[in-house]
Amino acid sequence: MKFSIHREGKKILLSLFALMVTINLLTFQFVESQWVFLVVLFITSLTYVLITQFFRNPKRYIEGVKDTQILSPVDGKVVVIEEVYEGEYLHCNMRQISVFMSPTNVHVTRYPVGGMVEYSKYHPGKYLVAWHPKSSSENERTTVVIDNPAMGKILYRQIAGAMARRIVNYAMVGQTAHRGEDSGFIKFGSRVDVLLPLDFDVMVDLGQKVRGGETVIAEAPKEEK
């Protein structure tokens, strides 16, 4: 699979590379033991590779997806499928599908549907573990609502967790969102909630692994003729 480095990681990786090189040069210069140098070289190299993997941005190709289907915004595991009351913007009961991301998952957030960005807001907050029931309303988070011509208003929410300390959201009110395209990034593990009308058909199960911009998680009901 082809992938590039996400723009959120380029400066971090460049600074980290300079730091790793410095550490290895100093170790080589001032530590006489060759074994110590090799151990330091191994640890710094492994650390750099792991952090590089965290910022990977694989290309995802949308094929055969209907206009009435909603894609997972992130990679991870489905941890919640339940009816909730959405009190921030839509003020109604909705179906919530939550996807938890571990530190090893791709952390790019993608638009689950296309349409016009109607609402986009950042909320400072706590850093409860991402699977905590109150994380959706008390943690640092961003909320985005997209008005889709075929399906109406779809809400998704990026939520910081115990490790995630920065949420990046590119969605701006009034802009056109394209399903599957990059809409943000969450650093070092967290979750994303997608809130849908109650009559939508859920296409995933609890515990199922999904891929952002590729896995269909729900579909709008068919219109009766």
C-alpha atoms as a PDB file:
ATOM      1  CA  MET A   1       0.000   0.000   0.000  1.00  0.00           C
ATOM      2  CA  LYS A   2       1.330   3.416  -0.924  1.00  0.00           C
ATOM      3  CA  PHE A   3       1.430   6.057   1.782  1.00  0.00           C
ATOM      4  CA  SER A   4       2.998   9.409   2.485  1.00  0.00           C
ATOM      5  CA  ILE A   5       3.852  11.236   5.691  1.00  0.00           C
ATOM      6  CA  HIS A   6       1.013  13.408   6.970  1.00  0.00           C
ATOM      7  CA  ARG A   7       1.739  17.134   7.022  1.00  0.00           C
ATOM      8  CA  GLU A   8       1.239  17.189  10.808  1.00  0.00           C
ATOM      9  CA  GLY A   9       4.251  14.928  11.208  1.00  0.00           C
ATOM     10  CA  LYS A  10       6.830  16.469   8.882  1.00  0.00           C
ATOM     11  CA  LYS A  11       8.192  19.124  11.260  1.00  0.00           C
ATOM     12  CA  ILE A  12       8.124  16.712  14.190  1.00  0.00           C
ATOM     13  CA  LEU A  13      10.002  14.037  12.259  1.00  0.00           C
ATOM     14  CA  LEU A  14      12.593  16.519  11.011  1.00  0.00           C
ATOM     15  CA  SER A  15      13.268  17.778  14.548  1.00  0.00           C
ATOM     16  CA  LEU A  16      13.326  14.242  15.893  1.00  0.00           C
ATOM     17  CA  PHE A  17      15.801  13.157  13.206  1.00  0.00           C
ATOM     18  CA  ALA A  18      18.150  15.987  14.166  1.00  0.00           C
ATOM     19  CA  LEU A  19      17.856  15.004  17.833  1.00  0.00           C
ATOM     20  CA  MET A  20      18.535  11.324  17.114  1.00  0.00           C
ATOM     21  CA  VAL A  21      21.594  12.157  15.006  1.00  0.00           C
ATOM     22  CA  THR A  22      22.923  14.392  17.777  1.00  0.00           C
ATOM     23  CA  ILE A  23      22.431  11.694  20.407  1.00  0.00           C
ATOM     24  CA  ASN A  24      24.233   9.112  18.312  1.00  0.00           C
ATOM     25  CA  LEU A  25      27.123  11.446  17.465  1.00  0.00           C
ATOM     26  CA  LEU A  26      27.622  12.358  21.123  1.00  0.00           C
ATOM     27  CA  THR A  27      27.493   8.702  22.139  1.00  0.00           C
ATOM     28  CA  PHE A  28      30.037   7.775  19.479  1.00  0.00           C
ATOM     29  CA  GLN A  29      32.275  10.681  20.494  1.00  0.00           C
ATOM     30  CA  PHE A  30      32.285  10.318  24.280  1.00  0.00           C
ATOM     31  CA  VAL A  31      31.363   6.695  25.068  1.00  0.00           C
ATOM     32  CA  GLU A  32      34.189   4.233  24.593  1.00  0.00           C
ATOM     33  CA  SER A  33      32.073   1.072  24.595  1.00  0.00           C
ATOM     34  CA  GLN A  34      31.042   0.042  21.092  1.00  0.00           C
ATOM     35  CA  TRP A  35      28.183  -2.034  22.522  1.00  0.00           C
ATOM     36  CA  VAL A  36      26.693   1.012  24.254  1.00  0.00           C
ATOM     37  CA  PHE A  37      26.843   2.941  20.988  1.00  0.00           C
ATOM     38  CA  LEU A  38      25.145   0.106  19.104  1.00  0.00           C
ATOM     39  CA  VAL A  39      22.385  -0.142  21.716  1.00  0.00           C
ATOM     40  CA  VAL A  40      21.765   3.620  21.555  1.00  0.00           C
ATOM     41  CA  LEU A  41      21.770   3.494  17.760  1.00  0.00           C
ATOM     42  CA  PHE A  42      19.248   0.642  17.791  1.00  0.00           C
ATOM     43  CA  ILE A  43      16.915   2.364  20.281  1.00  0.00           C
ATOM     44  CA  THR A  44      16.960   5.734  18.495  1.00  0.00           C
ATOM     45  CA  SER A  45      16.450   4.110  15.083  1.00  0.00           C
ATOM     46  CA  LEU A  46      13.541   1.995  16.333  1.00  0.00           C
ATOM     47  CA  THR A  47      11.923   5.009  18.006  1.00  0.00           C
ATOM     48  CA  TYR A  48      12.175   7.026  14.823  1.00  0.00           C
ATOM     49  CA  VAL A  49      10.651   4.244  12.717  1.00  0.00           C
ATOM     50  CA  LEU A  50       7.726   3.803  15.136  1.00  0.00           C
ATOM     51  CA  ILE A  51       6.944   7.528  15.230  1.00  0.00           C
ATOM     52  CA  THR A  52       7.215   7.694  11.429  1.00  0.00           C
ATOM     53  CA  GLN A  53       4.634   4.896  11.198  1.00  0.00           C
ATOM     54  CA  PHE A  54       2.314   6.892  13.443  1.00  0.00           C
ATOM     55  CA  PHE A  55       2.265   9.789  10.966  1.00  0.00           C
ATOM     56  CA  ARG A  56       1.707   7.641   7.880  1.00  0.00           C
ATOM     57  CA  ASN A  57      -1.060   8.747   5.536  1.00  0.00           C
ATOM     58  CA  PRO A  58      -2.070   5.832   3.286  1.00  0.00           C
ATOM     59  CA  LYS A  59      -3.917   6.493   0.073  1.00  0.00           C
ATOM     60  CA  ARG A  60      -7.486   5.259   0.171  1.00  0.00           C
ATOM     61  CA  TYR A  61      -9.513   4.770  -3.007  1.00  0.00           C
ATOM     62  CA  ILE A  62     -13.313   4.954  -2.877  1.00  0.00           C
ATOM     63  CA  GLU A  63     -14.853   2.525  -5.337  1.00  0.00           C
ATOM     64  CA  GLY A  64     -18.421   1.285  -5.558  1.00  0.00           C
ATOM     65  CA  VAL A  65     -19.666   3.338  -2.585  1.00  0.00           C
ATOM     66  CA  LYS A  66     -23.202   4.673  -2.933  1.00  0.00           C
ATOM     67  CA  ASP A  67     -24.107   8.310  -2.356  1.00  0.00           C
ATOM     68  CA  THR A  68     -26.312   7.188   0.541  1.00  0.00           C
ATOM     69  CA  GLN A  69     -23.496   5.392   2.385  1.00  0.00           C
ATOM     70  CA  ILE A  70     -21.303   6.762   5.158  1.00  0.00           C
ATOM     71  CA  LEU A  71     -17.631   5.867   5.489  1.00  0.00           C
ATOM     72  CA  SER A  72     -15.668   5.431   8.676  1.00  0.00           C
ATOM     73  CA  PRO A  73     -13.717   8.639   9.314  1.00  0.00           C
ATOM     74  CA  VAL A  74     -10.777   6.802  10.917  1.00  0.00           C
ATOM     75  CA  ASP A  75      -8.993   3.478  11.263  1.00  0.00           C
ATOM     76  CA  GLY A  76      -9.674   1.530  14.441  1.00  0.00           C
ATOM     77  CA  LYS A  77     -12.226  -0.630  16.236  1.00  0.00           C
ATOM     78  CA  VAL A  78     -15.954   0.000  16.694  1.00  0.00           C
ATOM     79  CA  VAL A  79     -16.519   0.374  20.439  1.00  0.00           C
ATOM     80  CA  VAL A  80     -19.975   1.980  20.658  1.00  0.00           C
ATOM     81  CA  ILE A  81     -23.238   1.595  18.744  1.00  0.00           C
ATOM     82  CA  GLU A  82     -26.064   3.215  20.669  1.00  0.00           C
ATOM     83  CA  GLU A  83     -28.833   5.801  20.685  1.00  0.00           C
ATOM     84  CA  VAL A  84     -27.842   9.092  22.326  1.00  0.00           C
ATOM     85  CA  TYR A  85     -29.219  12.597  22.670  1.00  0.00           C
ATOM     86  CA  GLU A  86     -27.109  15.129  20.732  1.00  0.00           C
ATOM     87  CA  GLY A  87     -27.378  18.358  22.694  1.00  0.00           C
ATOM     88  CA  GLU A  88     -24.664  20.546  21.196  1.00  0.00           C
ATOM     89  CA  TYR A  89     -26.099  21.417  17.779  1.00  0.00           C
ATOM     90  CA  LEU A  90     -28.766  19.057  16.418  1.00  0.00           C
ATOM     91  CA  HIS A  91     -30.739  18.675  19.693  1.00  0.00           C
ATOM     92  CA  CYS A  92     -32.311  15.310  18.961  1.00  0.00           C
ATOM     93  CA  ASN A  93     -31.780  11.595  19.509  1.00  0.00           C
ATOM     94  CA  MET A  94     -29.300  10.050  17.097  1.00  0.00           C
ATOM     95  CA  ARG A  95     -27.429   6.803  16.483  1.00  0.00           C
ATOM     96  CA  GLN A  96     -23.821   7.022  17.632  1.00  0.00           C
ATOM     97  CA  ILE A  97     -21.068   4.872  16.141  1.00  0.00           C
ATOM     98  CA  SER A  98     -17.711   5.309  17.877  1.00  0.00           C
ATOM     99  CA  VAL A  99     -14.349   4.133  16.560  1.00  0.00           C
ATOM    100  CA  PHE A 100     -11.400   3.829  18.945  1.00  0.00           C
ATOM    101  CA  MET A 101      -7.881   4.320  17.606  1.00  0.00           C
ATOM    102  CA  SER A 102      -4.857   2.738  19.262  1.00  0.00           C
ATOM    103  CA  PRO A 103      -1.416   4.380  18.909  1.00  0.00           C
ATOM    104  CA  THR A 104      -0.616   1.897  16.122  1.00  0.00           C
ATOM    105  CA  ASN A 105      -3.572   2.910  13.927  1.00  0.00           C
ATOM    106  CA  VAL A 106      -3.469   5.493  11.148  1.00  0.00           C
ATOM    107  CA  HIS A 107      -4.561   8.746  12.821  1.00  0.00           C
ATOM    108  CA  VAL A 108      -5.776  10.700   9.813  1.00  0.00           C
ATOM    109  CA  THR A 109      -9.401  11.823  10.140  1.00  0.00           C
ATOM    110  CA  ARG A 110     -11.367  11.746   6.883  1.00  0.00           C
ATOM    111  CA  TYR A 111     -14.740  13.196   5.962  1.00  0.00           C
ATOM    112  CA  PRO A 112     -17.356  10.412   6.372  1.00  0.00           C
ATOM    113  CA  VAL A 113     -19.681  12.116   3.882  1.00  0.00           C
ATOM    114  CA  GLY A 114     -19.546  14.914   1.370  1.00  0.00           C
ATOM    115  CA  GLY A 115     -21.477  18.148   1.515  1.00  0.00           C
ATOM    116  CA  MET A 116     -21.267  21.611   3.031  1.00  0.00           C
ATOM    117  CA  VAL A 117     -19.625  22.115   6.424  1.00  0.00           C
ATOM    118  CA  GLU A 118     -22.422  23.741   8.423  1.00  0.00           C
ATOM    119  CA  TYR A 119     -20.810  23.710  11.883  1.00  0.00           C
ATOM    120  CA  SER A 120     -17.257  23.300  13.178  1.00  0.00           C
ATOM    121  CA  LYS A 121     -16.222  24.015  16.748  1.00  0.00           C
ATOM    122  CA  TYR A 122     -13.337  23.203  19.089  1.00  0.00           C
ATOM    123  CA  HIS A 123     -14.001  22.468  22.779  1.00  0.00           C
ATOM    124  CA  PRO A 124     -11.224  22.422  25.383  1.00  0.00           C
ATOM    125  CA  GLY A 125     -11.677  19.762  28.038  1.00  0.00           C
ATOM    126  CA  LYS A 126     -10.348  16.857  30.045  1.00  0.00           C
ATOM    127  CA  TYR A 127      -8.231  13.899  28.942  1.00  0.00           C
ATOM    128  CA  LEU A 128     -10.228  10.932  30.199  1.00  0.00           C
ATOM    129  CA  VAL A 129      -9.459   7.594  28.552  1.00  0.00           C
ATOM    130  CA  ALA A 130     -11.154   7.564  25.144  1.00  0.00           C
ATOM    131  CA  TRP A 131     -13.518   4.706  26.003  1.00  0.00           C
ATOM    132  CA  HIS A 132     -14.864   6.492  29.111  1.00  0.00           C
ATOM    133  CA  PRO A 133     -18.657   7.151  28.737  1.00  0.00           C
ATOM    134  CA  LYS A 134     -18.184  10.870  29.501  1.00  0.00           C
ATOM    135  CA  SER A 135     -15.298  11.408  27.084  1.00  0.00           C
ATOM    136  CA  SER A 136     -17.712  12.483  24.316  1.00  0.00           C
ATOM    137  CA  SER A 137     -18.946  15.418  26.376  1.00  0.00           C
ATOM    138  CA  GLU A 138     -16.073  16.251  28.775  1.00  0.00           C
ATOM    139  CA  ASN A 139     -12.828  15.618  26.860  1.00  0.00           C
ATOM    140  CA  GLU A 140     -11.070  17.992  24.515  1.00  0.00           C
ATOM    141  CA  ARG A 141     -12.905  17.571  21.212  1.00  0.00           C
ATOM    142  CA  THR A 142     -14.051  19.077  17.951  1.00  0.00           C
ATOM    143  CA  THR A 143     -17.551  18.803  16.514  1.00  0.00           C
ATOM    144  CA  VAL A 144     -18.286  19.047  12.788  1.00  0.00           C
ATOM    145  CA  VAL A 145     -21.677  18.915  11.070  1.00  0.00           C
ATOM    146  CA  ILE A 146     -21.906  18.299   7.343  1.00  0.00           C
ATOM    147  CA  ASP A 147     -25.110  18.971   5.410  1.00  0.00           C
ATOM    148  CA  ASN A 148     -25.320  16.269   2.756  1.00  0.00           C
ATOM    149  CA  PRO A 149     -27.872  16.770  -0.078  1.00  0.00           C
ATOM    150  CA  ALA A 150     -28.980  13.121  -0.026  1.00  0.00           C
ATOM    151  CA  MET A 151     -28.803  12.305   3.700  1.00  0.00           C
ATOM    152  CA  GLY A 152     -29.243  15.530   5.626  1.00  0.00           C
ATOM    153  CA  LYS A 153     -27.062  16.584   8.552  1.00  0.00           C
ATOM    154  CA  ILE A 154     -24.303  14.197   9.666  1.00  0.00           C
ATOM    155  CA  LEU A 155     -22.226  14.978  12.770  1.00  0.00           C
ATOM    156  CA  TYR A 156     -18.805  13.627  13.673  1.00  0.00           C
ATOM    157  CA  ARG A 157     -16.681  14.396  16.687  1.00  0.00           C
ATOM    158  CA  GLN A 158     -12.918  14.024  17.224  1.00  0.00           C
ATOM    159  CA  ILE A 159     -12.185  13.219  20.866  1.00  0.00           C
ATOM    160  CA  ALA A 160      -8.850  13.426  22.660  1.00  0.00           C
ATOM    161  CA  GLY A 161      -7.922  10.626  25.042  1.00  0.00           C
ATOM    162  CA  ALA A 162      -5.431  10.079  27.847  1.00  0.00           C
ATOM    163  CA  MET A 163      -2.516  10.073  25.374  1.00  0.00           C
ATOM    164  CA  ALA A 164      -3.873  12.382  22.667  1.00  0.00           C
ATOM    165  CA  ARG A 165      -2.993  15.954  23.542  1.00  0.00           C
ATOM    166  CA  ARG A 166      -3.662  17.694  20.287  1.00  0.00           C
ATOM    167  CA  ILE A 167      -6.566  17.566  17.876  1.00  0.00           C
ATOM    168  CA  VAL A 168      -6.202  19.085  14.423  1.00  0.00           C
ATOM    169  CA  ASN A 169      -9.404  19.970  12.557  1.00  0.00           C
ATOM    170  CA  TYR A 170      -9.334  21.350   9.009  1.00  0.00           C
ATOM    171  CA  ALA A 171     -13.125  21.649   8.520  1.00  0.00           C
ATOM    172  CA  MET A 172     -14.272  25.254   8.132  1.00  0.00           C
ATOM    173  CA  VAL A 173     -17.862  26.469   8.024  1.00  0.00           C
ATOM    174  CA  GLY A 174     -19.024  27.098   4.473  1.00  0.00           C
ATOM    175  CA  GLN A 175     -16.450  24.939   2.715  1.00  0.00           C
ATOM    176  CA  THR A 176     -17.306  21.893   0.637  1.00  0.00           C
ATOM    177  CA  ALA A 177     -16.330  18.561   2.187  1.00  0.00           C
ATOM    178  CA  HIS A 178     -15.463  15.625  -0.066  1.00  0.00           C
ATOM    179  CA  ARG A 179     -16.077  12.164   1.327  1.00  0.00           C
ATOM    180  CA  GLY A 180     -12.860  10.313   2.157  1.00  0.00           C
ATOM    181  CA  GLU A 181     -10.606  13.367   2.008  1.00  0.00           C
ATOM    182  CA  ASP A 182      -8.368  14.486   4.878  1.00  0.00           C
ATOM    183  CA  SER A 183     -10.308  16.513   7.466  1.00  0.00           C
ATOM    184  CA  GLY A 184      -7.898  16.457  10.408  1.00  0.00           C
ATOM    185  CA  PHE A 185      -5.554  14.495  12.632  1.00  0.00           C
ATOM    186  CA  ILE A 186      -5.489  13.301  16.260  1.00  0.00           C
ATOM    187  CA  LYS A 187      -2.057  12.740  17.778  1.00  0.00           C
ATOM    188  CA  PHE A 188      -1.314   9.570  19.749  1.00  0.00           C
ATOM    189  CA  GLY A 189      -4.508   7.618  20.177  1.00  0.00           C
ATOM    190  CA  SER A 190      -8.155   8.625  20.658  1.00  0.00           C
ATOM    191  CA  ARG A 191     -11.602   8.103  19.155  1.00  0.00           C
ATOM    192  CA  VAL A 192     -14.123   9.551  16.719  1.00  0.00           C
ATOM    193  CA  ASP A 193     -17.907   9.507  17.120  1.00  0.00           C
ATOM    194  CA  VAL A 194     -20.256   9.629  14.133  1.00  0.00           C
ATOM    195  CA  LEU A 195     -23.876  10.567  14.875  1.00  0.00           C
ATOM    196  CA  LEU A 196     -26.579   9.595  12.380  1.00  0.00           C
ATOM    197  CA  PRO A 197     -30.374   9.744  12.127  1.00  0.00           C
ATOM    198  CA  LEU A 198     -32.026   6.824  13.925  1.00  0.00           C
ATOM    199  CA  ASP A 199     -33.532   5.341  10.759  1.00  0.00           C
ATOM    200  CA  PHE A 200     -30.120   4.802   9.120  1.00  0.00           C
ATOM    201  CA  ASP A 201     -28.968   1.189   8.718  1.00  0.00           C
ATOM    202  CA  VAL A 202     -25.812   0.387  10.685  1.00  0.00           C
ATOM    203  CA  MET A 203     -23.415  -1.699   8.571  1.00  0.00           C
ATOM    204  CA  VAL A 204     -20.809  -2.580  11.227  1.00  0.00           C
ATOM    205  CA  ASP A 205     -20.734  -4.571  14.475  1.00  0.00           C
ATOM    206  CA  LEU A 206     -19.219  -3.934  17.887  1.00  0.00           C
ATOM    207  CA  GLY A 207     -15.579  -4.959  17.927  1.00  0.00           C
ATOM    208  CA  GLN A 208     -15.241  -4.781  14.141  1.00  0.00           C
ATOM    209  CA  LYS A 209     -12.072  -3.241  12.747  1.00  0.00           C
ATOM    210  CA  VAL A 210     -12.669  -0.478  10.207  1.00  0.00           C
ATOM    211  CA  ARG A 211     -10.561   1.586   7.828  1.00  0.00           C
ATOM    212  CA  GLY A 212     -10.973   5.327   7.428  1.00  0.00           C
ATOM    213  CA  GLY A 213     -12.227   6.444   4.031  1.00  0.00           C
ATOM    214  CA  GLU A 214     -12.931   2.853   3.012  1.00  0.00           C
ATOM    215  CA  THR A 215     -15.253   0.910   5.361  1.00  0.00           C
ATOM    216  CA  VAL A 216     -18.981   1.645   5.031  1.00  0.00           C
ATOM    217  CA  ILE A 217     -20.366   2.060   8.552  1.00  0.00           C
ATOM    218  CA  ALA A 218     -23.961   3.069   7.753  1.00  0.00           C
ATOM    219  CA  GLU A 219     -26.454   3.687   4.962  1.00  0.00           C
ATOM    220  CA  ALA A 220     -29.436   5.962   4.618  1.00  0.00           C
ATOM    221  CA  PRO A 221     -32.803   4.173   4.296  1.00  0.00           C
ATOM    222  CA  LYS A 222     -34.162   3.618   0.813  1.00  0.00           C
ATOM    223  CA  GLU A 223     -36.949   5.926  -0.233  1.00  0.00           C
ATOM    224  CA  GLU A 224     -40.292   4.196  -0.567  1.00  0.00           C
ATOM    225  CA  LYS A 225     -41.841   4.487  -3.991  1.00  0.00           C
END
